[in-house]
Amino acid sequence: MTLEFRCADAGVACKARTTAETKDELLAKVRAHAKSEHGVELNDTLVDYAVSQVRES
């Protein structure tokens, strides 16, 4: 199973699609993307919201 997060699903005008095999790996990638591409440090509230938008593919 692969997990997937898309910035657009969280309401961000970004076409990025991040995938990983585990939740921890996915969150690490999403945090890095948010910081490098959007200048945002994800706090616990934003992480919880991001997790709610994760899909299995």
N, C-alpha and C. Protein backbone atom coordinates (compact mmCIF):
# COMPACT_ATOMS: atom_id res chain seq x y z
N MET A 1 0.83 -1.17 0.00
CA MET A 1 0.00 0.00 0.00
C MET A 1 0.89 1.24 0.00
N THR A 2 0.52 2.21 -0.81
CA THR A 2 1.22 3.48 -0.86
C THR A 2 0.29 4.56 -0.34
N LEU A 3 0.83 5.44 0.49
CA LEU A 3 0.07 6.58 0.99
C LEU A 3 0.39 7.79 0.13
N GLU A 4 -0.59 8.66 -0.03
CA GLU A 4 -0.43 9.81 -0.91
C GLU A 4 -1.03 11.05 -0.27
N PHE A 5 -0.34 12.18 -0.43
CA PHE A 5 -0.84 13.48 0.01
C PHE A 5 -0.66 14.46 -1.14
N ARG A 6 -1.69 15.24 -1.39
CA ARG A 6 -1.64 16.29 -2.40
C ARG A 6 -1.94 17.63 -1.75
N CYS A 7 -1.09 18.60 -1.98
CA CYS A 7 -1.31 19.93 -1.41
C CYS A 7 -2.68 20.47 -1.80
N ALA A 8 -3.08 20.23 -3.04
CA ALA A 8 -4.37 20.75 -3.54
C ALA A 8 -5.54 20.23 -2.71
N ASP A 9 -5.44 19.01 -2.21
CA ASP A 9 -6.52 18.45 -1.39
C ASP A 9 -6.65 19.17 -0.05
N ALA A 10 -5.59 19.85 0.35
CA ALA A 10 -5.60 20.61 1.61
C ALA A 10 -5.89 22.08 1.36
N GLY A 11 -6.26 22.40 0.12
CA GLY A 11 -6.63 23.78 -0.20
C GLY A 11 -5.49 24.68 -0.58
N VAL A 12 -4.33 24.10 -0.87
CA VAL A 12 -3.16 24.89 -1.26
C VAL A 12 -3.03 24.86 -2.78
N ALA A 13 -2.77 26.02 -3.36
CA ALA A 13 -2.63 26.11 -4.82
C ALA A 13 -1.25 25.58 -5.21
N CYS A 14 -1.13 24.26 -5.21
CA CYS A 14 0.14 23.59 -5.50
C CYS A 14 -0.21 22.24 -6.11
N LYS A 15 0.54 21.83 -7.10
CA LYS A 15 0.28 20.57 -7.78
C LYS A 15 1.12 19.41 -7.25
N ALA A 16 1.81 19.63 -6.13
CA ALA A 16 2.68 18.59 -5.57
C ALA A 16 1.88 17.38 -5.12
N ARG A 17 2.45 16.22 -5.37
CA ARG A 17 1.89 14.93 -4.95
C ARG A 17 3.01 14.18 -4.26
N THR A 18 2.82 13.86 -3.00
CA THR A 18 3.85 13.18 -2.21
C THR A 18 3.37 11.78 -1.88
N THR A 19 4.25 10.80 -2.05
CA THR A 19 3.89 9.42 -1.73
C THR A 19 4.96 8.80 -0.83
N ALA A 20 4.53 7.79 -0.07
CA ALA A 20 5.45 7.05 0.80
C ALA A 20 4.77 5.75 1.21
N GLU A 21 5.55 4.86 1.77
CA GLU A 21 5.03 3.57 2.21
C GLU A 21 4.49 3.61 3.64
N THR A 22 4.98 4.56 4.45
CA THR A 22 4.54 4.66 5.84
C THR A 22 4.08 6.08 6.14
N LYS A 23 3.25 6.20 7.18
CA LYS A 23 2.75 7.51 7.60
C LYS A 23 3.91 8.41 8.04
N ASP A 24 4.86 7.87 8.80
CA ASP A 24 5.99 8.68 9.28
C ASP A 24 6.83 9.20 8.12
N GLU A 25 7.09 8.35 7.14
CA GLU A 25 7.86 8.75 5.97
C GLU A 25 7.11 9.82 5.18
N LEU A 26 5.82 9.64 5.03
CA LEU A 26 5.01 10.61 4.30
C LEU A 26 5.01 11.96 5.01
N LEU A 27 4.81 11.96 6.31
CA LEU A 27 4.80 13.22 7.06
C LEU A 27 6.14 13.93 6.98
N ALA A 28 7.23 13.19 7.03
CA ALA A 28 8.55 13.81 6.91
C ALA A 28 8.70 14.49 5.55
N LYS A 29 8.24 13.83 4.50
CA LYS A 29 8.31 14.41 3.16
C LYS A 29 7.40 15.63 3.03
N VAL A 30 6.19 15.54 3.59
CA VAL A 30 5.25 16.66 3.51
C VAL A 30 5.79 17.85 4.30
N ARG A 31 6.34 17.61 5.48
CA ARG A 31 6.95 18.70 6.28
C ARG A 31 8.07 19.38 5.48
N ALA A 32 8.94 18.59 4.88
CA ALA A 32 10.05 19.14 4.11
C ALA A 32 9.54 19.95 2.92
N HIS A 33 8.54 19.45 2.23
CA HIS A 33 7.96 20.17 1.10
C HIS A 33 7.32 21.48 1.56
N ALA A 34 6.55 21.43 2.64
CA ALA A 34 5.88 22.63 3.14
C ALA A 34 6.90 23.71 3.48
N LYS A 35 8.00 23.30 4.08
CA LYS A 35 9.03 24.28 4.47
C LYS A 35 9.77 24.82 3.25
N SER A 36 10.20 23.95 2.36
CA SER A 36 11.03 24.40 1.24
C SER A 36 10.23 25.11 0.15
N GLU A 37 9.03 24.66 -0.11
CA GLU A 37 8.25 25.23 -1.21
C GLU A 37 7.25 26.30 -0.79
N HIS A 38 6.77 26.21 0.46
CA HIS A 38 5.73 27.13 0.91
C HIS A 38 6.17 28.02 2.07
N GLY A 39 7.37 27.76 2.61
CA GLY A 39 7.87 28.55 3.73
C GLY A 39 7.06 28.37 5.00
N VAL A 40 6.47 27.18 5.17
CA VAL A 40 5.59 26.91 6.31
C VAL A 40 6.16 25.77 7.15
N GLU A 41 6.26 26.03 8.46
CA GLU A 41 6.60 24.97 9.41
C GLU A 41 5.27 24.39 9.88
N LEU A 42 5.06 23.10 9.68
CA LEU A 42 3.80 22.49 10.07
C LEU A 42 3.74 22.27 11.58
N ASN A 43 2.76 22.91 12.23
CA ASN A 43 2.54 22.67 13.66
C ASN A 43 1.62 21.45 13.80
N ASP A 44 1.31 21.09 15.03
CA ASP A 44 0.49 19.89 15.26
C ASP A 44 -0.88 19.97 14.59
N THR A 45 -1.48 21.15 14.60
CA THR A 45 -2.80 21.32 13.98
C THR A 45 -2.72 21.09 12.47
N LEU A 46 -1.70 21.65 11.83
CA LEU A 46 -1.54 21.46 10.39
C LEU A 46 -1.19 20.02 10.05
N VAL A 47 -0.40 19.37 10.89
CA VAL A 47 -0.07 17.96 10.67
C VAL A 47 -1.34 17.12 10.77
N ASP A 48 -2.16 17.37 11.77
CA ASP A 48 -3.42 16.62 11.92
C ASP A 48 -4.30 16.80 10.69
N TYR A 49 -4.37 18.02 10.19
CA TYR A 49 -5.18 18.27 9.00
C TYR A 49 -4.59 17.54 7.79
N ALA A 50 -3.28 17.61 7.63
CA ALA A 50 -2.62 16.93 6.52
C ALA A 50 -2.91 15.43 6.57
N VAL A 51 -2.82 14.85 7.76
CA VAL A 51 -3.08 13.42 7.93
C VAL A 51 -4.51 13.09 7.51
N SER A 52 -5.44 13.98 7.78
CA SER A 52 -6.84 13.72 7.40
C SER A 52 -7.03 13.71 5.89
N GLN A 53 -6.06 14.26 5.15
CA GLN A 53 -6.16 14.32 3.70
C GLN A 53 -5.37 13.21 2.99
N VAL A 54 -4.71 12.36 3.75
CA VAL A 54 -3.91 11.26 3.18
C VAL A 54 -4.83 10.21 2.58
N ARG A 55 -4.42 9.71 1.41
CA ARG A 55 -5.18 8.65 0.70
C ARG A 55 -4.30 7.42 0.55
N GLU A 56 -4.94 6.29 0.41
CA GLU A 56 -4.22 5.08 0.04
C GLU A 56 -4.33 4.93 -1.47
N SER A 57 -3.23 4.57 -2.08
CA SER A 57 -3.27 4.37 -3.54
C SER A 57 -2.58 3.08 -3.91
